[in-house]
Amino acid sequence: DIILPPAFQAAEPTNLFHRLLQDPAAH
């Protein structure tokens, strides 16, 4: 019942913790 724009549905999931992958100190 939650209709999203096609671009949202087709998008790759976005990693909100991407900075932790790149920065060991941040992790």
PDB file of all heavy atoms in Angstrom:
ATOM      1  N   ASP A   1       0.800  -1.218   0.000  1.00  0.00           N
ATOM      2  CA  ASP A   1       0.000   0.000   0.000  1.00  0.00           C
ATOM      3  C   ASP A   1       0.842   1.282   0.000  1.00  0.00           C
ATOM      4  O   ASP A   1       0.307   2.373  -0.061  1.00  0.00           O
ATOM      5  CB  ASP A   1      -0.978   0.011   1.180  1.00  0.00           C
ATOM      6  CG  ASP A   1      -0.298  -0.132   2.527  1.00  0.00           C
ATOM      7  OD1 ASP A   1       0.767  -0.771   2.602  1.00  0.00           O
ATOM      8  OD2 ASP A   1      -0.840   0.386   3.522  1.00  0.00           O
ATOM      9  N   ILE A   2       2.143   1.137   0.037  1.00  0.00           N
ATOM     10  CA  ILE A   2       3.024   2.308  -0.034  1.00  0.00           C
ATOM     11  C   ILE A   2       3.626   2.339  -1.433  1.00  0.00           C
ATOM     12  O   ILE A   2       4.466   1.520  -1.791  1.00  0.00           O
ATOM     13  CB  ILE A   2       4.114   2.255   1.053  1.00  0.00           C
ATOM     14  CG1 ILE A   2       3.443   2.287   2.418  1.00  0.00           C
ATOM     15  CG2 ILE A   2       5.092   3.412   0.880  1.00  0.00           C
ATOM     16  CD1 ILE A   2       4.369   2.197   3.581  1.00  0.00           C
ATOM     17  N   ILE A   3       3.145   3.262  -2.209  1.00  0.00           N
ATOM     18  CA  ILE A   3       3.557   3.393  -3.602  1.00  0.00           C
ATOM     19  C   ILE A   3       4.700   4.402  -3.689  1.00  0.00           C
ATOM     20  O   ILE A   3       4.581   5.541  -3.245  1.00  0.00           O
ATOM     21  CB  ILE A   3       2.383   3.881  -4.492  1.00  0.00           C
ATOM     22  CG1 ILE A   3       1.134   3.022  -4.265  1.00  0.00           C
ATOM     23  CG2 ILE A   3       2.798   3.905  -5.959  1.00  0.00           C
ATOM     24  CD1 ILE A   3       1.304   1.558  -4.575  1.00  0.00           C
ATOM     25  N   LEU A   4       5.800   3.948  -4.237  1.00  0.00           N
ATOM     26  CA  LEU A   4       6.970   4.804  -4.402  1.00  0.00           C
ATOM     27  C   LEU A   4       7.197   5.095  -5.879  1.00  0.00           C
ATOM     28  O   LEU A   4       6.797   4.304  -6.737  1.00  0.00           O
ATOM     29  CB  LEU A   4       8.205   4.105  -3.845  1.00  0.00           C
ATOM     30  CG  LEU A   4       8.199   3.832  -2.346  1.00  0.00           C
ATOM     31  CD1 LEU A   4       9.382   2.958  -1.968  1.00  0.00           C
ATOM     32  CD2 LEU A   4       8.230   5.131  -1.569  1.00  0.00           C
ATOM     33  N   PRO A   5       7.854   6.208  -6.180  1.00  0.00           N
ATOM     34  CA  PRO A   5       8.196   6.480  -7.581  1.00  0.00           C
ATOM     35  C   PRO A   5       9.041   5.333  -8.139  1.00  0.00           C
ATOM     36  O   PRO A   5       9.816   4.708  -7.400  1.00  0.00           O
ATOM     37  CB  PRO A   5       9.018   7.776  -7.504  1.00  0.00           C
ATOM     38  CG  PRO A   5       8.653   8.400  -6.208  1.00  0.00           C
ATOM     39  CD  PRO A   5       8.319   7.273  -5.282  1.00  0.00           C
ATOM     40  N   PRO A   6       8.910   5.043  -9.425  1.00  0.00           N
ATOM     41  CA  PRO A   6       9.677   3.944 -10.032  1.00  0.00           C
ATOM     42  C   PRO A   6      11.185   4.044  -9.776  1.00  0.00           C
ATOM     43  O   PRO A   6      11.838   3.025  -9.579  1.00  0.00           O
ATOM     44  CB  PRO A   6       9.362   4.068 -11.520  1.00  0.00           C
ATOM     45  CG  PRO A   6       8.039   4.748 -11.577  1.00  0.00           C
ATOM     46  CD  PRO A   6       8.009   5.677 -10.391  1.00  0.00           C
ATOM     47  N   ALA A   7      11.724   5.259  -9.755  1.00  0.00           N
ATOM     48  CA  ALA A   7      13.167   5.418  -9.518  1.00  0.00           C
ATOM     49  C   ALA A   7      13.545   4.922  -8.121  1.00  0.00           C
ATOM     50  O   ALA A   7      14.621   4.365  -7.928  1.00  0.00           O
ATOM     51  CB  ALA A   7      13.569   6.873  -9.688  1.00  0.00           C
ATOM     52  N   PHE A   8      12.665   5.104  -7.139  1.00  0.00           N
ATOM     53  CA  PHE A   8      12.933   4.622  -5.783  1.00  0.00           C
ATOM     54  C   PHE A   8      12.883   3.101  -5.749  1.00  0.00           C
ATOM     55  O   PHE A   8      13.688   2.460  -5.091  1.00  0.00           O
ATOM     56  CB  PHE A   8      11.897   5.166  -4.792  1.00  0.00           C
ATOM     57  CG  PHE A   8      12.146   6.581  -4.345  1.00  0.00           C
ATOM     58  CD1 PHE A   8      12.639   7.547  -5.202  1.00  0.00           C
ATOM     59  CD2 PHE A   8      11.875   6.951  -3.043  1.00  0.00           C
ATOM     60  CE1 PHE A   8      12.862   8.839  -4.791  1.00  0.00           C
ATOM     61  CE2 PHE A   8      12.091   8.244  -2.610  1.00  0.00           C
ATOM     62  CZ  PHE A   8      12.581   9.191  -3.481  1.00  0.00           C
ATOM     63  N   GLN A   9      11.909   2.531  -6.447  1.00  0.00           N
ATOM     64  CA  GLN A   9      11.738   1.078  -6.450  1.00  0.00           C
ATOM     65  C   GLN A   9      12.908   0.383  -7.138  1.00  0.00           C
ATOM     66  O   GLN A   9      13.353  -0.674  -6.696  1.00  0.00           O
ATOM     67  CB  GLN A   9      10.434   0.709  -7.159  1.00  0.00           C
ATOM     68  CG  GLN A   9       9.206   1.187  -6.434  1.00  0.00           C
ATOM     69  CD  GLN A   9       7.938   0.992  -7.260  1.00  0.00           C
ATOM     70  OE1 GLN A   9       7.973   0.467  -8.365  1.00  0.00           O
ATOM     71  NE2 GLN A   9       6.817   1.431  -6.720  1.00  0.00           N
ATOM     72  N   ALA A  10      13.401   0.972  -8.211  1.00  0.00           N
ATOM     73  CA  ALA A  10      14.456   0.345  -9.006  1.00  0.00           C
ATOM     74  C   ALA A  10      15.862   0.637  -8.485  1.00  0.00           C
ATOM     75  O   ALA A  10      16.826   0.004  -8.912  1.00  0.00           O
ATOM     76  CB  ALA A  10      14.345   0.813 -10.460  1.00  0.00           C
ATOM     77  N   ALA A  11      15.969   1.557  -7.556  1.00  0.00           N
ATOM     78  CA  ALA A  11      17.289   1.961  -7.059  1.00  0.00           C
ATOM     79  C   ALA A  11      17.970   0.832  -6.294  1.00  0.00           C
ATOM     80  O   ALA A  11      17.308  -0.022  -5.704  1.00  0.00           O
ATOM     81  CB  ALA A  11      17.148   3.179  -6.153  1.00  0.00           C
ATOM     82  N   GLU A  12      19.283   0.854  -6.323  1.00  0.00           N
ATOM     83  CA  GLU A  12      20.053  -0.042  -5.464  1.00  0.00           C
ATOM     84  C   GLU A  12      19.901   0.467  -4.035  1.00  0.00           C
ATOM     85  O   GLU A  12      19.877   1.680  -3.815  1.00  0.00           O
ATOM     86  CB  GLU A  12      21.529  -0.023  -5.868  1.00  0.00           C
ATOM     87  CG  GLU A  12      21.814  -0.760  -7.153  1.00  0.00           C
ATOM     88  CD  GLU A  12      21.567  -2.255  -7.038  1.00  0.00           C
ATOM     89  OE1 GLU A  12      21.931  -2.850  -6.011  1.00  0.00           O
ATOM     90  OE2 GLU A  12      20.975  -2.807  -7.976  1.00  0.00           O
ATOM     91  N   PRO A  13      19.808  -0.433  -3.063  1.00  0.00           N
ATOM     92  CA  PRO A  13      19.728   0.049  -1.673  1.00  0.00           C
ATOM     93  C   PRO A  13      20.941   0.915  -1.338  1.00  0.00           C
ATOM     94  O   PRO A  13      22.066   0.592  -1.707  1.00  0.00           O
ATOM     95  CB  PRO A  13      19.740  -1.240  -0.850  1.00  0.00           C
ATOM     96  CG  PRO A  13      19.269  -2.306  -1.788  1.00  0.00           C
ATOM     97  CD  PRO A  13      19.746  -1.882  -3.152  1.00  0.00           C
ATOM     98  N   THR A  14      20.688   2.026  -0.694  1.00  0.00           N
ATOM     99  CA  THR A  14      21.740   2.950  -0.308  1.00  0.00           C
ATOM    100  C   THR A  14      22.213   2.612   1.102  1.00  0.00           C
ATOM    101  O   THR A  14      21.401   2.509   2.017  1.00  0.00           O
ATOM    102  CB  THR A  14      21.210   4.402  -0.339  1.00  0.00           C
ATOM    103  OG1 THR A  14      20.757   4.685  -1.658  1.00  0.00           O
ATOM    104  CG2 THR A  14      22.278   5.391   0.059  1.00  0.00           C
ATOM    105  N   ASN A  15      23.515   2.445   1.274  1.00  0.00           N
ATOM    106  CA  ASN A  15      24.097   2.130   2.568  1.00  0.00           C
ATOM    107  C   ASN A  15      24.296   3.423   3.364  1.00  0.00           C
ATOM    108  O   ASN A  15      25.160   4.231   3.034  1.00  0.00           O
ATOM    109  CB  ASN A  15      25.432   1.410   2.389  1.00  0.00           C
ATOM    110  CG  ASN A  15      26.089   1.053   3.699  1.00  0.00           C
ATOM    111  OD1 ASN A  15      25.510   1.206   4.772  1.00  0.00           O
ATOM    112  ND2 ASN A  15      27.314   0.569   3.618  1.00  0.00           N
ATOM    113  N   LEU A  16      23.503   3.601   4.414  1.00  0.00           N
ATOM    114  CA  LEU A  16      23.618   4.799   5.231  1.00  0.00           C
ATOM    115  C   LEU A  16      24.886   4.802   6.091  1.00  0.00           C
ATOM    116  O   LEU A  16      25.273   5.841   6.607  1.00  0.00           O
ATOM    117  CB  LEU A  16      22.380   4.939   6.129  1.00  0.00           C
ATOM    118  CG  LEU A  16      21.043   5.039   5.394  1.00  0.00           C
ATOM    119  CD1 LEU A  16      19.900   5.136   6.384  1.00  0.00           C
ATOM    120  CD2 LEU A  16      21.031   6.203   4.427  1.00  0.00           C
ATOM    121  N   PHE A  17      25.528   3.644   6.219  1.00  0.00           N
ATOM    122  CA  PHE A  17      26.773   3.541   6.987  1.00  0.00           C
ATOM    123  C   PHE A  17      27.999   3.422   6.072  1.00  0.00           C
ATOM    124  O   PHE A  17      29.027   2.895   6.470  1.00  0.00           O
ATOM    125  CB  PHE A  17      26.729   2.335   7.928  1.00  0.00           C
ATOM    126  CG  PHE A  17      25.880   2.524   9.162  1.00  0.00           C
ATOM    127  CD1 PHE A  17      25.646   1.457  10.012  1.00  0.00           C
ATOM    128  CD2 PHE A  17      25.324   3.741   9.496  1.00  0.00           C
ATOM    129  CE1 PHE A  17      24.889   1.610  11.166  1.00  0.00           C
ATOM    130  CE2 PHE A  17      24.559   3.911  10.640  1.00  0.00           C
ATOM    131  CZ  PHE A  17      24.343   2.838  11.476  1.00  0.00           C
ATOM    132  N   HIS A  18      27.912   3.943   4.859  1.00  0.00           N
ATOM    133  CA  HIS A  18      29.017   3.812   3.900  1.00  0.00           C
ATOM    134  C   HIS A  18      30.325   4.406   4.424  1.00  0.00           C
ATOM    135  O   HIS A  18      31.403   3.910   4.123  1.00  0.00           O
ATOM    136  CB  HIS A  18      28.644   4.431   2.547  1.00  0.00           C
ATOM    137  CG  HIS A  18      28.490   5.919   2.595  1.00  0.00           C
ATOM    138  ND1 HIS A  18      27.322   6.514   2.992  1.00  0.00           N
ATOM    139  CD2 HIS A  18      29.363   6.902   2.304  1.00  0.00           C
ATOM    140  CE1 HIS A  18      27.478   7.816   2.942  1.00  0.00           C
ATOM    141  NE2 HIS A  18      28.693   8.087   2.540  1.00  0.00           N
ATOM    142  N   ARG A  19      30.231   5.444   5.248  1.00  0.00           N
ATOM    143  CA  ARG A  19      31.470   6.058   5.764  1.00  0.00           C
ATOM    144  C   ARG A  19      32.237   5.103   6.665  1.00  0.00           C
ATOM    145  O   ARG A  19      33.458   5.202   6.787  1.00  0.00           O
ATOM    146  CB  ARG A  19      31.162   7.363   6.476  1.00  0.00           C
ATOM    147  CG  ARG A  19      30.514   7.189   7.828  1.00  0.00           C
ATOM    148  CD  ARG A  19      30.206   8.510   8.512  1.00  0.00           C
ATOM    149  NE  ARG A  19      29.788   8.310   9.875  1.00  0.00           N
ATOM    150  CZ  ARG A  19      28.618   7.819  10.261  1.00  0.00           C
ATOM    151  NH1 ARG A  19      27.731   7.455   9.357  1.00  0.00           N
ATOM    152  NH2 ARG A  19      28.321   7.682  11.543  1.00  0.00           N
ATOM    153  N   LEU A  20      31.537   4.148   7.287  1.00  0.00           N
ATOM    154  CA  LEU A  20      32.207   3.184   8.167  1.00  0.00           C
ATOM    155  C   LEU A  20      33.063   2.206   7.369  1.00  0.00           C
ATOM    156  O   LEU A  20      34.043   1.674   7.886  1.00  0.00           O
ATOM    157  CB  LEU A  20      31.182   2.412   9.006  1.00  0.00           C
ATOM    158  CG  LEU A  20      30.259   3.252   9.894  1.00  0.00           C
ATOM    159  CD1 LEU A  20      29.323   2.353  10.682  1.00  0.00           C
ATOM    160  CD2 LEU A  20      31.047   4.177  10.801  1.00  0.00           C
ATOM    161  N   LEU A  21      32.695   1.987   6.113  1.00  0.00           N
ATOM    162  CA  LEU A  21      33.491   1.122   5.243  1.00  0.00           C
ATOM    163  C   LEU A  21      34.829   1.764   4.891  1.00  0.00           C
ATOM    164  O   LEU A  21      35.839   1.087   4.756  1.00  0.00           O
ATOM    165  CB  LEU A  21      32.732   0.834   3.942  1.00  0.00           C
ATOM    166  CG  LEU A  21      31.559  -0.125   4.027  1.00  0.00           C
ATOM    167  CD1 LEU A  21      30.758  -0.085   2.735  1.00  0.00           C
ATOM    168  CD2 LEU A  21      32.041  -1.529   4.324  1.00  0.00           C
ATOM    169  N   GLN A  22      34.805   3.074   4.752  1.00  0.00           N
ATOM    170  CA  GLN A  22      35.971   3.797   4.268  1.00  0.00           C
ATOM    171  C   GLN A  22      36.870   4.325   5.379  1.00  0.00           C
ATOM    172  O   GLN A  22      38.028   4.661   5.128  1.00  0.00           O
ATOM    173  CB  GLN A  22      35.508   4.975   3.396  1.00  0.00           C
ATOM    174  CG  GLN A  22      34.685   4.519   2.219  1.00  0.00           C
ATOM    175  CD  GLN A  22      33.892   5.653   1.596  1.00  0.00           C
ATOM    176  OE1 GLN A  22      33.702   6.701   2.191  1.00  0.00           O
ATOM    177  NE2 GLN A  22      33.422   5.426   0.382  1.00  0.00           N
ATOM    178  N   ASP A  23      36.350   4.402   6.598  1.00  0.00           N
ATOM    179  CA  ASP A  23      37.089   5.051   7.665  1.00  0.00           C
ATOM    180  C   ASP A  23      37.108   4.160   8.913  1.00  0.00           C
ATOM    181  O   ASP A  23      36.150   4.162   9.691  1.00  0.00           O
ATOM    182  CB  ASP A  23      36.435   6.404   7.970  1.00  0.00           C
ATOM    183  CG  ASP A  23      37.195   7.224   8.996  1.00  0.00           C
ATOM    184  OD1 ASP A  23      38.144   6.710   9.619  1.00  0.00           O
ATOM    185  OD2 ASP A  23      36.823   8.400   9.175  1.00  0.00           O
ATOM    186  N   PRO A  24      38.195   3.402   9.121  1.00  0.00           N
ATOM    187  CA  PRO A  24      38.279   2.518  10.295  1.00  0.00           C
ATOM    188  C   PRO A  24      38.130   3.258  11.626  1.00  0.00           C
ATOM    189  O   PRO A  24      37.556   2.724  12.574  1.00  0.00           O
ATOM    190  CB  PRO A  24      39.669   1.889  10.178  1.00  0.00           C
ATOM    191  CG  PRO A  24      40.048   2.038   8.747  1.00  0.00           C
ATOM    192  CD  PRO A  24      39.379   3.283   8.263  1.00  0.00           C
ATOM    193  N   ALA A  25      38.600   4.481  11.698  1.00  0.00           N
ATOM    194  CA  ALA A  25      38.465   5.254  12.936  1.00  0.00           C
ATOM    195  C   ALA A  25      36.992   5.583  13.213  1.00  0.00           C
ATOM    196  O   ALA A  25      36.538   5.532  14.362  1.00  0.00           O
ATOM    197  CB  ALA A  25      39.298   6.526  12.861  1.00  0.00           C
ATOM    198  N   ALA A  26      36.256   5.911  12.160  1.00  0.00           N
ATOM    199  CA  ALA A  26      34.825   6.191  12.313  1.00  0.00           C
ATOM    200  C   ALA A  26      34.075   4.930  12.751  1.00  0.00           C
ATOM    201  O   ALA A  26      33.154   5.001  13.572  1.00  0.00           O
ATOM    202  CB  ALA A  26      34.243   6.727  11.009  1.00  0.00           C
ATOM    203  N   HIS A  27      34.489   3.785  12.208  1.00  0.00           N
ATOM    204  CA  HIS A  27      33.862   2.518  12.599  1.00  0.00           C
ATOM    205  C   HIS A  27      34.144   2.209  14.067  1.00  0.00           C
ATOM    206  O   HIS A  27      33.232   1.832  14.824  1.00  0.00           O
ATOM    207  CB  HIS A  27      34.345   1.380  11.696  1.00  0.00           C
ATOM    208  CG  HIS A  27      33.686   0.077  11.998  1.00  0.00           C
ATOM    209  ND1 HIS A  27      34.397  -1.031  12.405  1.00  0.00           N
ATOM    210  CD2 HIS A  27      32.383  -0.293  11.974  1.00  0.00           C
ATOM    211  CE1 HIS A  27      33.561  -2.019  12.615  1.00  0.00           C
ATOM    212  NE2 HIS A  27      32.326  -1.601  12.356  1.00  0.00           N
TER     213      HIS A  27
END
